[in-house]
Amino acid sequence: MAQHKIKISQVINDFQITMDGDDYASNVSDIALRNFALRGVREIGFDLGKKIKSLKLPITSNNTVPLPNDFVDISKLGIV
């Protein structure tokens, strides 16, 4: 699949061209729009570029496992 690179500034410019004068975003600064766009890119990358991590975690005395701070979802769980 071919990759096409588009600058974030072009996405923002295209978005601004399509806005009406009374749109909510029409009163937002360019910096705020850039930050929203970059956050959206990060979220898409997070959703599409999932990297599965494999961890061996200790089981506590009450048969629970403390989850790491970056825990998002379980795809498989087992006891070794």
N, C-alpha and C. Protein backbone atom coordinates (compact mmCIF):
# COMPACT_ATOMS: atom_id res chain seq x y z
N MET A 1 0.84 -1.17 0.00
CA MET A 1 0.00 0.00 0.00
C MET A 1 0.89 1.24 0.00
N ALA A 2 0.59 2.18 -0.85
CA ALA A 2 1.37 3.42 -0.96
C ALA A 2 1.03 4.34 0.20
N GLN A 3 2.05 5.00 0.74
CA GLN A 3 1.83 5.95 1.81
C GLN A 3 1.87 7.36 1.25
N HIS A 4 0.89 8.14 1.64
CA HIS A 4 0.83 9.54 1.22
C HIS A 4 1.02 10.39 2.46
N LYS A 5 1.96 11.31 2.41
CA LYS A 5 2.21 12.18 3.54
C LYS A 5 1.56 13.53 3.28
N ILE A 6 0.81 13.98 4.26
CA ILE A 6 0.15 15.28 4.20
C ILE A 6 0.56 16.05 5.44
N LYS A 7 0.96 17.29 5.25
CA LYS A 7 1.36 18.12 6.38
C LYS A 7 0.13 18.48 7.22
N ILE A 8 0.33 18.56 8.53
CA ILE A 8 -0.76 18.91 9.43
C ILE A 8 -1.29 20.31 9.11
N SER A 9 -0.41 21.18 8.64
CA SER A 9 -0.84 22.54 8.29
C SER A 9 -1.83 22.50 7.12
N GLN A 10 -1.65 21.57 6.18
CA GLN A 10 -2.58 21.45 5.06
C GLN A 10 -3.94 20.96 5.53
N VAL A 11 -3.94 20.02 6.48
CA VAL A 11 -5.21 19.54 7.05
C VAL A 11 -5.94 20.68 7.73
N ILE A 12 -5.21 21.48 8.50
CA ILE A 12 -5.82 22.61 9.21
C ILE A 12 -6.33 23.64 8.21
N ASN A 13 -5.55 23.95 7.18
CA ASN A 13 -5.99 24.91 6.16
C ASN A 13 -7.26 24.43 5.46
N ASP A 14 -7.29 23.15 5.10
CA ASP A 14 -8.48 22.59 4.45
C ASP A 14 -9.69 22.67 5.37
N PHE A 15 -9.48 22.40 6.66
CA PHE A 15 -10.56 22.49 7.63
C PHE A 15 -11.08 23.91 7.74
N GLN A 16 -10.16 24.88 7.81
CA GLN A 16 -10.55 26.28 7.94
C GLN A 16 -11.31 26.77 6.71
N ILE A 17 -10.96 26.29 5.54
CA ILE A 17 -11.64 26.70 4.31
C ILE A 17 -13.11 26.26 4.34
N THR A 18 -13.38 25.11 4.94
CA THR A 18 -14.74 24.57 4.95
C THR A 18 -15.61 25.14 6.06
N MET A 19 -15.05 25.96 6.96
CA MET A 19 -15.82 26.50 8.09
C MET A 19 -16.72 27.65 7.65
N ASP A 20 -17.87 27.72 8.29
CA ASP A 20 -18.75 28.88 8.16
C ASP A 20 -18.35 29.88 9.23
N GLY A 21 -18.74 31.12 9.07
CA GLY A 21 -18.41 32.17 10.03
C GLY A 21 -18.95 31.94 11.41
N ASP A 22 -20.07 31.21 11.52
CA ASP A 22 -20.67 30.98 12.83
C ASP A 22 -20.34 29.60 13.41
N ASP A 23 -19.41 28.88 12.80
CA ASP A 23 -18.98 27.59 13.33
C ASP A 23 -18.27 27.79 14.66
N TYR A 24 -18.39 26.79 15.53
CA TYR A 24 -17.72 26.83 16.84
C TYR A 24 -16.21 27.04 16.67
N ALA A 25 -15.62 26.34 15.72
CA ALA A 25 -14.17 26.38 15.54
C ALA A 25 -13.69 27.67 14.89
N SER A 26 -14.59 28.50 14.37
CA SER A 26 -14.14 29.72 13.69
C SER A 26 -13.54 30.73 14.66
N ASN A 27 -13.83 30.60 15.95
CA ASN A 27 -13.28 31.51 16.95
C ASN A 27 -12.08 30.93 17.69
N VAL A 28 -11.59 29.79 17.24
CA VAL A 28 -10.47 29.12 17.89
C VAL A 28 -9.17 29.54 17.20
N SER A 29 -8.11 29.71 17.99
CA SER A 29 -6.83 30.14 17.43
C SER A 29 -6.21 29.03 16.57
N ASP A 30 -5.30 29.43 15.70
CA ASP A 30 -4.59 28.46 14.86
C ASP A 30 -3.80 27.46 15.70
N ILE A 31 -3.25 27.93 16.81
CA ILE A 31 -2.47 27.05 17.69
C ILE A 31 -3.39 25.99 18.31
N ALA A 32 -4.57 26.40 18.74
CA ALA A 32 -5.51 25.44 19.32
C ALA A 32 -5.94 24.42 18.27
N LEU A 33 -6.22 24.87 17.04
CA LEU A 33 -6.58 23.93 15.97
C LEU A 33 -5.44 22.95 15.70
N ARG A 34 -4.21 23.44 15.71
CA ARG A 34 -3.05 22.57 15.48
C ARG A 34 -2.94 21.52 16.59
N ASN A 35 -3.15 21.96 17.83
CA ASN A 35 -3.10 21.02 18.96
C ASN A 35 -4.19 19.96 18.86
N PHE A 36 -5.40 20.36 18.47
CA PHE A 36 -6.49 19.40 18.30
C PHE A 36 -6.17 18.41 17.18
N ALA A 37 -5.60 18.92 16.09
CA ALA A 37 -5.25 18.05 14.96
C ALA A 37 -4.17 17.05 15.36
N LEU A 38 -3.16 17.52 16.07
CA LEU A 38 -2.08 16.62 16.51
C LEU A 38 -2.59 15.58 17.49
N ARG A 39 -3.50 15.97 18.37
CA ARG A 39 -4.09 15.01 19.30
C ARG A 39 -4.88 13.95 18.54
N GLY A 40 -5.59 14.37 17.51
CA GLY A 40 -6.33 13.42 16.68
C GLY A 40 -5.41 12.44 15.97
N VAL A 41 -4.29 12.93 15.48
CA VAL A 41 -3.31 12.05 14.82
C VAL A 41 -2.77 11.03 15.81
N ARG A 42 -2.47 11.48 17.03
CA ARG A 42 -1.97 10.56 18.06
C ARG A 42 -3.02 9.51 18.39
N GLU A 43 -4.27 9.91 18.52
CA GLU A 43 -5.35 8.96 18.84
C GLU A 43 -5.54 7.94 17.73
N ILE A 44 -5.48 8.39 16.49
CA ILE A 44 -5.62 7.47 15.36
C ILE A 44 -4.44 6.49 15.36
N GLY A 45 -3.25 7.01 15.59
CA GLY A 45 -2.08 6.14 15.66
C GLY A 45 -2.19 5.13 16.77
N PHE A 46 -2.75 5.53 17.90
CA PHE A 46 -2.93 4.62 19.02
C PHE A 46 -3.92 3.52 18.67
N ASP A 47 -5.01 3.90 18.00
CA ASP A 47 -6.04 2.92 17.64
C ASP A 47 -5.61 1.99 16.52
N LEU A 48 -4.89 2.51 15.54
CA LEU A 48 -4.52 1.70 14.38
C LEU A 48 -3.18 1.00 14.54
N GLY A 49 -2.30 1.56 15.32
CA GLY A 49 -0.96 1.01 15.44
C GLY A 49 -0.74 0.25 16.73
N LYS A 50 -1.71 -0.55 17.11
CA LYS A 50 -1.61 -1.27 18.37
C LYS A 50 -0.37 -2.16 18.39
N LYS A 51 0.35 -2.08 19.47
CA LYS A 51 1.50 -2.93 19.69
C LYS A 51 1.18 -3.78 20.91
N ILE A 52 1.14 -5.08 20.71
CA ILE A 52 0.81 -5.97 21.81
C ILE A 52 2.08 -6.25 22.60
N LYS A 53 1.98 -6.04 23.89
CA LYS A 53 3.08 -6.28 24.80
C LYS A 53 2.80 -7.55 25.58
N SER A 54 3.80 -8.34 25.79
CA SER A 54 3.66 -9.55 26.58
C SER A 54 4.39 -9.34 27.89
N LEU A 55 3.70 -9.57 28.98
CA LEU A 55 4.29 -9.38 30.30
C LEU A 55 4.04 -10.59 31.18
N LYS A 56 5.00 -10.88 32.03
CA LYS A 56 4.80 -11.87 33.09
C LYS A 56 4.71 -11.07 34.37
N LEU A 57 3.56 -11.10 35.01
CA LEU A 57 3.33 -10.32 36.22
C LEU A 57 3.15 -11.25 37.41
N PRO A 58 3.60 -10.84 38.57
CA PRO A 58 3.45 -11.68 39.76
C PRO A 58 2.00 -11.69 40.25
N ILE A 59 1.57 -12.85 40.71
CA ILE A 59 0.24 -12.98 41.30
C ILE A 59 0.38 -12.74 42.80
N THR A 60 -0.45 -11.86 43.33
CA THR A 60 -0.37 -11.53 44.76
C THR A 60 -0.99 -12.65 45.59
N SER A 61 -0.87 -12.52 46.89
CA SER A 61 -1.38 -13.55 47.80
C SER A 61 -2.89 -13.72 47.74
N ASN A 62 -3.61 -12.68 47.30
CA ASN A 62 -5.07 -12.80 47.19
C ASN A 62 -5.51 -13.10 45.75
N ASN A 63 -4.58 -13.69 44.96
CA ASN A 63 -4.85 -14.12 43.57
C ASN A 63 -5.26 -12.98 42.64
N THR A 64 -4.63 -11.82 42.81
CA THR A 64 -4.85 -10.71 41.89
C THR A 64 -3.52 -10.32 41.28
N VAL A 65 -3.58 -9.53 40.23
CA VAL A 65 -2.37 -9.05 39.55
C VAL A 65 -2.47 -7.54 39.42
N PRO A 66 -1.50 -6.80 39.97
CA PRO A 66 -1.51 -5.35 39.77
C PRO A 66 -1.17 -5.03 38.30
N LEU A 67 -2.01 -4.22 37.67
CA LEU A 67 -1.80 -3.88 36.26
C LEU A 67 -0.86 -2.69 36.13
N PRO A 68 -0.05 -2.65 35.07
CA PRO A 68 0.86 -1.51 34.87
C PRO A 68 0.09 -0.23 34.56
N ASN A 69 0.75 0.92 34.75
CA ASN A 69 0.10 2.22 34.52
C ASN A 69 -0.34 2.42 33.07
N ASP A 70 0.38 1.80 32.12
CA ASP A 70 0.03 1.98 30.71
C ASP A 70 -0.92 0.91 30.19
N PHE A 71 -1.57 0.18 31.09
CA PHE A 71 -2.51 -0.87 30.70
C PHE A 71 -3.68 -0.28 29.93
N VAL A 72 -4.05 -0.94 28.81
CA VAL A 72 -5.18 -0.49 28.01
C VAL A 72 -6.21 -1.60 27.86
N ASP A 73 -5.78 -2.80 27.45
CA ASP A 73 -6.72 -3.87 27.17
C ASP A 73 -6.01 -5.21 27.27
N ILE A 74 -6.77 -6.25 27.55
CA ILE A 74 -6.21 -7.60 27.61
C ILE A 74 -6.62 -8.32 26.34
N SER A 75 -5.65 -8.94 25.67
CA SER A 75 -5.98 -9.74 24.50
C SER A 75 -5.90 -11.23 24.84
N LYS A 76 -5.07 -11.58 25.81
CA LYS A 76 -4.97 -12.97 26.25
C LYS A 76 -4.41 -12.97 27.65
N LEU A 77 -4.93 -13.87 28.48
CA LEU A 77 -4.52 -13.94 29.85
C LEU A 77 -4.37 -15.40 30.25
N GLY A 78 -3.33 -15.71 30.97
CA GLY A 78 -3.13 -17.08 31.41
C GLY A 78 -2.20 -17.14 32.58
N ILE A 79 -2.09 -18.34 33.16
CA ILE A 79 -1.19 -18.55 34.28
C ILE A 79 -0.12 -19.55 33.83
N VAL A 80 1.14 -19.17 34.08
CA VAL A 80 2.25 -20.04 33.70
C VAL A 80 2.73 -20.79 34.93
